[in-house]
C-alpha atoms as a PDB file:
ATOM      1  CA  UNK A   1     174.279 126.383  90.953  1.00  0.00           C
ATOM      2  CA  UNK A   2     171.828 127.591  88.058  1.00  0.00           C
ATOM      3  CA  UNK A   3     169.803 124.966  86.230  1.00  0.00           C
ATOM      4  CA  UNK A   4     167.780 125.556  83.079  1.00  0.00           C
ATOM      5  CA  UNK A   5     165.329 124.105  80.418  1.00  0.00           C
ATOM      6  CA  UNK A   6     165.358 125.431  76.667  1.00  0.00           C
ATOM      7  CA  UNK A   7     163.114 124.661  73.906  1.00  0.00           C
ATOM      8  CA  UNK A   8     164.440 126.049  70.107  1.00  0.00           C
ATOM      9  CA  UNK A   9     163.462 125.460  66.732  1.00  0.00           C
ATOM     10  CA  UNK A  10     159.756 124.443  67.373  1.00  0.00           C
ATOM     11  CA  UNK A  11     157.955 126.099  63.944  1.00  0.00           C
ATOM     12  CA  UNK A  12     155.923 124.758  61.077  1.00  0.00           C
ATOM     13  CA  UNK A  13     158.055 121.948  58.368  1.00  0.00           C
ATOM     14  CA  UNK A  14     159.872 124.072  55.552  1.00  0.00           C
ATOM     15  CA  UNK A  15     161.537 122.985  52.367  1.00  0.00           C
ATOM     16  CA  UNK A  16     165.032 123.018  51.655  1.00  0.00           C
ATOM     17  CA  UNK A  17     164.199 122.242  47.412  1.00  0.00           C
ATOM     18  CA  UNK A  18     162.084 122.256  45.298  1.00  0.00           C
ATOM     19  CA  UNK A  19     160.786 118.766  46.184  1.00  0.00           C
ATOM     20  CA  UNK A  20     156.562 118.993  47.746  1.00  0.00           C
ATOM     21  CA  UNK A  21     157.872 116.984  50.963  1.00  0.00           C
ATOM     22  CA  UNK A  22     158.297 119.762  53.926  1.00  0.00           C
ATOM     23  CA  UNK A  23     161.159 118.757  56.763  1.00  0.00           C
ATOM     24  CA  UNK A  24     160.506 119.412  59.623  1.00  0.00           C
ATOM     25  CA  UNK A  25     162.727 122.385  62.026  1.00  0.00           C
ATOM     26  CA  UNK A  26     165.357 120.142  64.278  1.00  0.00           C
ATOM     27  CA  UNK A  27     163.269 121.568  67.040  1.00  0.00           C
ATOM     28  CA  UNK A  28     165.059 120.660  70.367  1.00  0.00           C
ATOM     29  CA  UNK A  29     164.939 120.198  73.849  1.00  0.00           C
ATOM     30  CA  UNK A  30     167.829 120.982  76.165  1.00  0.00           C
ATOM     31  CA  UNK A  31     168.324 120.292  80.157  1.00  0.00           C
ATOM     32  CA  UNK A  32     171.494 122.274  81.655  1.00  0.00           C
ATOM     33  CA  UNK A  33     172.725 123.241  84.640  1.00  0.00           C
ATOM     34  CA  UNK A  34     175.732 125.474  85.857  1.00  0.00           C
ATOM     35  CA  UNK A  35     177.957 124.919  89.415  1.00  0.00           C
ATOM     36  CA  UNK A  36     180.038 128.316  90.274  1.00  0.00           C
ATOM     37  CA  UNK A  37     183.132 128.196  91.890  1.00  0.00           C
ATOM     38  CA  UNK A  38     184.083 131.531  93.662  1.00  0.00           C
ATOM     39  CA  UNK A  39     187.709 131.467  94.231  1.00  0.00           C
ATOM     40  CA  UNK A  40     188.323 134.274  95.946  1.00  0.00           C
ATOM     41  CA  UNK A  41     187.655 138.001  94.719  1.00  0.00           C
ATOM     42  CA  UNK A  42     189.427 137.357  91.573  1.00  0.00           C
ATOM     43  CA  UNK A  43     188.889 133.982  90.361  1.00  0.00           C
ATOM     44  CA  UNK A  44     185.619 131.763  89.771  1.00  0.00           C
ATOM     45  CA  UNK A  45     185.871 128.390  88.395  1.00  0.00           C
ATOM     46  CA  UNK A  46     182.064 127.076  86.193  1.00  0.00           C
ATOM     47  CA  UNK A  47     181.430 122.913  85.777  1.00  0.00           C
ATOM     48  CA  UNK A  48     178.768 122.835  83.148  1.00  0.00           C
ATOM     49  CA  UNK A  49     176.898 119.991  81.922  1.00  0.00           C
ATOM     50  CA  UNK A  50     173.986 119.175  79.551  1.00  0.00           C
ATOM     51  CA  UNK A  51     171.750 116.484  77.617  1.00  0.00           C
ATOM     52  CA  UNK A  52     169.648 117.671  74.542  1.00  0.00           C
ATOM     53  CA  UNK A  53     167.162 115.797  71.896  1.00  0.00           C
ATOM     54  CA  UNK A  54     166.075 116.154  68.793  1.00  0.00           C
ATOM     55  CA  UNK A  55     161.813 116.107  68.803  1.00  0.00           C
ATOM     56  CA  UNK A  56     161.533 115.063  65.240  1.00  0.00           C
ATOM     57  CA  UNK A  57     160.253 111.595  64.243  1.00  0.00           C
ATOM     58  CA  UNK A  58     162.788 109.005  63.966  1.00  0.00           C
ATOM     59  CA  UNK A  59     163.457 108.122  60.296  1.00  0.00           C
ATOM     60  CA  UNK A  60     162.150 104.316  59.412  1.00  0.00           C
ATOM     61  CA  UNK A  61     165.496 102.199  58.272  1.00  0.00           C
ATOM     62  CA  UNK A  62     162.946  99.607  56.845  1.00  0.00           C
ATOM     63  CA  UNK A  63     162.299  98.157  53.376  1.00  0.00           C
ATOM     64  CA  UNK A  64     160.377 101.396  51.516  1.00  0.00           C
ATOM     65  CA  UNK A  65     157.580  99.760  51.524  1.00  0.00           C
ATOM     66  CA  UNK A  66     157.131  99.684  55.480  1.00  0.00           C
ATOM     67  CA  UNK A  67     158.371 102.986  55.502  1.00  0.00           C
ATOM     68  CA  UNK A  68     155.599 104.244  53.398  1.00  0.00           C
ATOM     69  CA  UNK A  69     152.429 101.727  54.427  1.00  0.00           C
ATOM     70  CA  UNK A  70     149.768 103.771  52.932  1.00  0.00           C
ATOM     71  CA  UNK A  71     151.533 104.618  49.262  1.00  0.00           C
ATOM     72  CA  UNK A  72     151.268 107.860  48.625  1.00  0.00           C
ATOM     73  CA  UNK A  73     155.140 108.197  47.765  1.00  0.00           C
ATOM     74  CA  UNK A  74     155.858 110.519  51.747  1.00  0.00           C
ATOM     75  CA  UNK A  75     157.912 108.380  54.431  1.00  0.00           C
ATOM     76  CA  UNK A  76     154.935 108.236  57.059  1.00  0.00           C
ATOM     77  CA  UNK A  77     157.516 109.378  59.473  1.00  0.00           C
ATOM     78  CA  UNK A  78     156.793 112.756  57.621  1.00  0.00           C
ATOM     79  CA  UNK A  79     153.767 112.842  57.264  1.00  0.00           C
ATOM     80  CA  UNK A  80     152.961 113.705  61.344  1.00  0.00           C
ATOM     81  CA  UNK A  81     152.362 117.793  61.736  1.00  0.00           C
ATOM     82  CA  UNK A  82     155.391 119.528  63.885  1.00  0.00           C
ATOM     83  CA  UNK A  83     153.264 119.398  66.769  1.00  0.00           C
ATOM     84  CA  UNK A  84     152.524 115.940  66.888  1.00  0.00           C
ATOM     85  CA  UNK A  85     156.051 115.166  65.475  1.00  0.00           C
ATOM     86  CA  UNK A  86     157.317 116.469  68.502  1.00  0.00           C
ATOM     87  CA  UNK A  87     155.214 114.559  71.153  1.00  0.00           C
ATOM     88  CA  UNK A  88     155.923 110.808  68.626  1.00  0.00           C
ATOM     89  CA  UNK A  89     159.544 111.938  68.783  1.00  0.00           C
ATOM     90  CA  UNK A  90     159.957 110.761  72.564  1.00  0.00           C
ATOM     91  CA  UNK A  91     158.484 106.938  71.921  1.00  0.00           C
ATOM     92  CA  UNK A  92     158.618 105.961  68.204  1.00  0.00           C
ATOM     93  CA  UNK A  93     162.808 104.762  68.003  1.00  0.00           C
ATOM     94  CA  UNK A  94     162.594 100.969  65.893  1.00  0.00           C
ATOM     95  CA  UNK A  95     164.451  99.270  68.698  1.00  0.00           C
ATOM     96  CA  UNK A  96     162.595 100.593  72.472  1.00  0.00           C
ATOM     97  CA  UNK A  97     163.825 102.510  74.908  1.00  0.00           C
ATOM     98  CA  UNK A  98     167.714 101.386  74.139  1.00  0.00           C
ATOM     99  CA  UNK A  99     167.948 103.465  70.823  1.00  0.00           C
ATOM    100  CA  UNK A 100     165.689 106.095  72.276  1.00  0.00           C
ATOM    101  CA  UNK A 101     168.609 107.082  74.706  1.00  0.00           C
ATOM    102  CA  UNK A 102     170.650 106.423  71.957  1.00  0.00           C
ATOM    103  CA  UNK A 103     169.318 110.136  70.620  1.00  0.00           C
ATOM    104  CA  UNK A 104     170.389 111.582  73.819  1.00  0.00           C
ATOM    105  CA  UNK A 105     173.288 114.137  73.132  1.00  0.00           C
ATOM    106  CA  UNK A 106     175.474 115.099  75.939  1.00  0.00           C
ATOM    107  CA  UNK A 107     178.197 118.005  76.938  1.00  0.00           C
ATOM    108  CA  UNK A 108     180.038 119.136  79.529  1.00  0.00           C
ATOM    109  CA  UNK A 109     182.482 122.426  80.098  1.00  0.00           C
ATOM    110  CA  UNK A 110     184.890 124.186  82.739  1.00  0.00           C
ATOM    111  CA  UNK A 111     184.803 128.170  82.464  1.00  0.00           C
ATOM    112  CA  UNK A 112     187.864 129.991  84.816  1.00  0.00           C
ATOM    113  CA  UNK A 113     187.181 133.980  84.358  1.00  0.00           C
ATOM    114  CA  UNK A 114     190.095 136.016  86.205  1.00  0.00           C
ATOM    115  CA  UNK A 115     188.957 139.775  87.122  1.00  0.00           C
ATOM    116  CA  UNK A 116     185.711 139.179  85.613  1.00  0.00           C
ATOM    117  CA  UNK A 117     187.621 140.320  82.000  1.00  0.00           C
ATOM    118  CA  UNK A 118     189.494 137.266  80.827  1.00  0.00           C
ATOM    119  CA  UNK A 119     188.092 134.014  80.754  1.00  0.00           C
ATOM    120  CA  UNK A 120     189.189 130.322  79.798  1.00  0.00           C
ATOM    121  CA  UNK A 121     186.773 127.710  78.538  1.00  0.00           C
ATOM    122  CA  UNK A 122     187.197 124.185  77.287  1.00  0.00           C
ATOM    123  CA  UNK A 123     184.201 121.742  76.510  1.00  0.00           C
ATOM    124  CA  UNK A 124     183.623 117.961  74.872  1.00  0.00           C
ATOM    125  CA  UNK A 125     180.483 117.061  72.949  1.00  0.00           C
ATOM    126  CA  UNK A 126     178.888 113.459  72.137  1.00  0.00           C
ATOM    127  CA  UNK A 127     176.480 112.191  70.092  1.00  0.00           C
ATOM    128  CA  UNK A 128     175.789 108.181  69.540  1.00  0.00           C
ATOM    129  CA  UNK A 129     177.611 106.686  66.955  1.00  0.00           C
ATOM    130  CA  UNK A 130     174.189 105.334  65.474  1.00  0.00           C
ATOM    131  CA  UNK A 131     172.795 109.172  65.304  1.00  0.00           C
ATOM    132  CA  UNK A 132     175.314 111.210  63.834  1.00  0.00           C
ATOM    133  CA  UNK A 133     178.990 110.560  66.008  1.00  0.00           C
ATOM    134  CA  UNK A 134     179.744 114.125  66.189  1.00  0.00           C
ATOM    135  CA  UNK A 135     181.978 113.959  69.221  1.00  0.00           C
ATOM    136  CA  UNK A 136     184.098 117.179  69.223  1.00  0.00           C
ATOM    137  CA  UNK A 137     186.203 119.290  71.868  1.00  0.00           C
ATOM    138  CA  UNK A 138     186.098 123.029  72.439  1.00  0.00           C
ATOM    139  CA  UNK A 139     188.418 125.549  73.639  1.00  0.00           C
ATOM    140  CA  UNK A 140     188.183 129.500  74.045  1.00  0.00           C
ATOM    141  CA  UNK A 141     188.706 132.538  75.577  1.00  0.00           C
ATOM    142  CA  UNK A 142     186.554 135.174  76.483  1.00  0.00           C
ATOM    143  CA  UNK A 143     187.502 139.295  77.062  1.00  0.00           C
ATOM    144  CA  UNK A 144     184.935 141.552  78.673  1.00  0.00           C
ATOM    145  CA  UNK A 145     185.739 145.539  79.450  1.00  0.00           C
ATOM    146  CA  UNK A 146     182.331 147.024  80.922  1.00  0.00           C
ATOM    147  CA  UNK A 147     179.485 146.574  78.730  1.00  0.00           C
ATOM    148  CA  UNK A 148     181.523 145.175  75.302  1.00  0.00           C
ATOM    149  CA  UNK A 149     182.539 141.496  75.443  1.00  0.00           C
ATOM    150  CA  UNK A 150     184.049 139.624  72.705  1.00  0.00           C
ATOM    151  CA  UNK A 151     184.438 135.549  72.842  1.00  0.00           C
ATOM    152  CA  UNK A 152     186.349 133.158  70.584  1.00  0.00           C
ATOM    153  CA  UNK A 153     186.530 129.384  70.357  1.00  0.00           C
ATOM    154  CA  UNK A 154     187.804 126.782  67.984  1.00  0.00           C
ATOM    155  CA  UNK A 155     186.191 123.631  67.415  1.00  0.00           C
ATOM    156  CA  UNK A 156     188.138 120.073  66.820  1.00  0.00           C
ATOM    157  CA  UNK A 157     186.907 116.565  66.439  1.00  0.00           C
ATOM    158  CA  UNK A 158     187.416 113.635  68.603  1.00  0.00           C
ATOM    159  CA  UNK A 159     186.996 111.098  66.111  1.00  0.00           C
ATOM    160  CA  UNK A 160     186.346 112.254  62.619  1.00  0.00           C
ATOM    161  CA  UNK A 161     188.436 114.299  61.497  1.00  0.00           C
ATOM    162  CA  UNK A 162     186.746 114.452  57.776  1.00  0.00           C
ATOM    163  CA  UNK A 163     183.830 116.013  59.625  1.00  0.00           C
ATOM    164  CA  UNK A 164     182.732 119.710  57.460  1.00  0.00           C
ATOM    165  CA  UNK A 165     182.717 120.760  61.260  1.00  0.00           C
ATOM    166  CA  UNK A 166     186.199 119.834  62.349  1.00  0.00           C
ATOM    167  CA  UNK A 167     188.634 123.018  62.966  1.00  0.00           C
ATOM    168  CA  UNK A 168     185.816 125.856  63.237  1.00  0.00           C
ATOM    169  CA  UNK A 169     186.737 128.510  64.675  1.00  0.00           C
ATOM    170  CA  UNK A 170     183.498 130.799  65.904  1.00  0.00           C
ATOM    171  CA  UNK A 171     183.783 134.375  67.654  1.00  0.00           C
ATOM    172  CA  UNK A 172     180.822 136.514  69.665  1.00  0.00           C
ATOM    173  CA  UNK A 173     180.877 140.196  70.199  1.00  0.00           C
ATOM    174  CA  UNK A 174     178.152 141.421  72.922  1.00  0.00           C
ATOM    175  CA  UNK A 175     177.151 144.353  74.255  1.00  0.00           C
ATOM    176  CA  UNK A 176     175.381 144.866  77.752  1.00  0.00           C
ATOM    177  CA  UNK A 177     172.603 147.803  77.419  1.00  0.00           C
ATOM    178  CA  UNK A 178     172.319 148.641  81.031  1.00  0.00           C
ATOM    179  CA  UNK A 179     168.930 150.202  81.632  1.00  0.00           C
ATOM    180  CA  UNK A 180     168.919 150.594  85.126  1.00  0.00           C
ATOM    181  CA  UNK A 181     171.390 154.128  84.206  1.00  0.00           C
ATOM    182  CA  UNK A 182     168.648 155.028  82.347  1.00  0.00           C
ATOM    183  CA  UNK A 183     165.569 153.889  84.382  1.00  0.00           C
ATOM    184  CA  UNK A 184     167.905 155.688  87.972  1.00  0.00           C
ATOM    185  CA  UNK A 185     168.542 159.260  86.004  1.00  0.00           C
ATOM    186  CA  UNK A 186     166.672 161.811  87.228  1.00  0.00           C
ATOM    187  CA  UNK A 187     164.936 164.198  85.058  1.00  0.00           C
ATOM    188  CA  UNK A 188     166.839 167.538  84.400  1.00  0.00           C
ATOM    189  CA  UNK A 189     165.993 169.968  86.715  1.00  0.00           C
ATOM    190  CA  UNK A 190     164.860 167.410  89.056  1.00  0.00           C
ATOM    191  CA  UNK A 191     167.106 167.924  93.016  1.00  0.00           C
END
């Protein structure tokens, strides 16, 4: 059993256009777990799951007057510093704890390895209807030979086929630099 906690995209605000209003990076916190079952010497199965939450303030859905109380032309939720926005994101939903729970994103996955060289993978991602409504299925394979690996996956939407990420192919090439070989090597002339 493995458990992990990750924080990503923490940093200052940026602008994507000529606008003076800066946007938050999509800061995220994720908690995940994996349970690996060694079926025998050649076969292994891993079940994974994780929960993620964006750590940016929830946008205001009210009329513009309620979203910009000081009248400076910038919505109130965009006026927090990046660090204050992280803390604000855990209690600012207009519908309270019910809406805060809807901001969580869930993923599950299953991975099968044969002989630590060939992998088959599948997964599912779900997001609340009111917070983006992304729901997709992924399928993939992995190949590994000595210190080189190749992963290929396909993503298809489970509910909204017109989504731009529907029918997406992804691949990665991995290199495992085994520095223990360098560290344990004896110098020339040593016995």
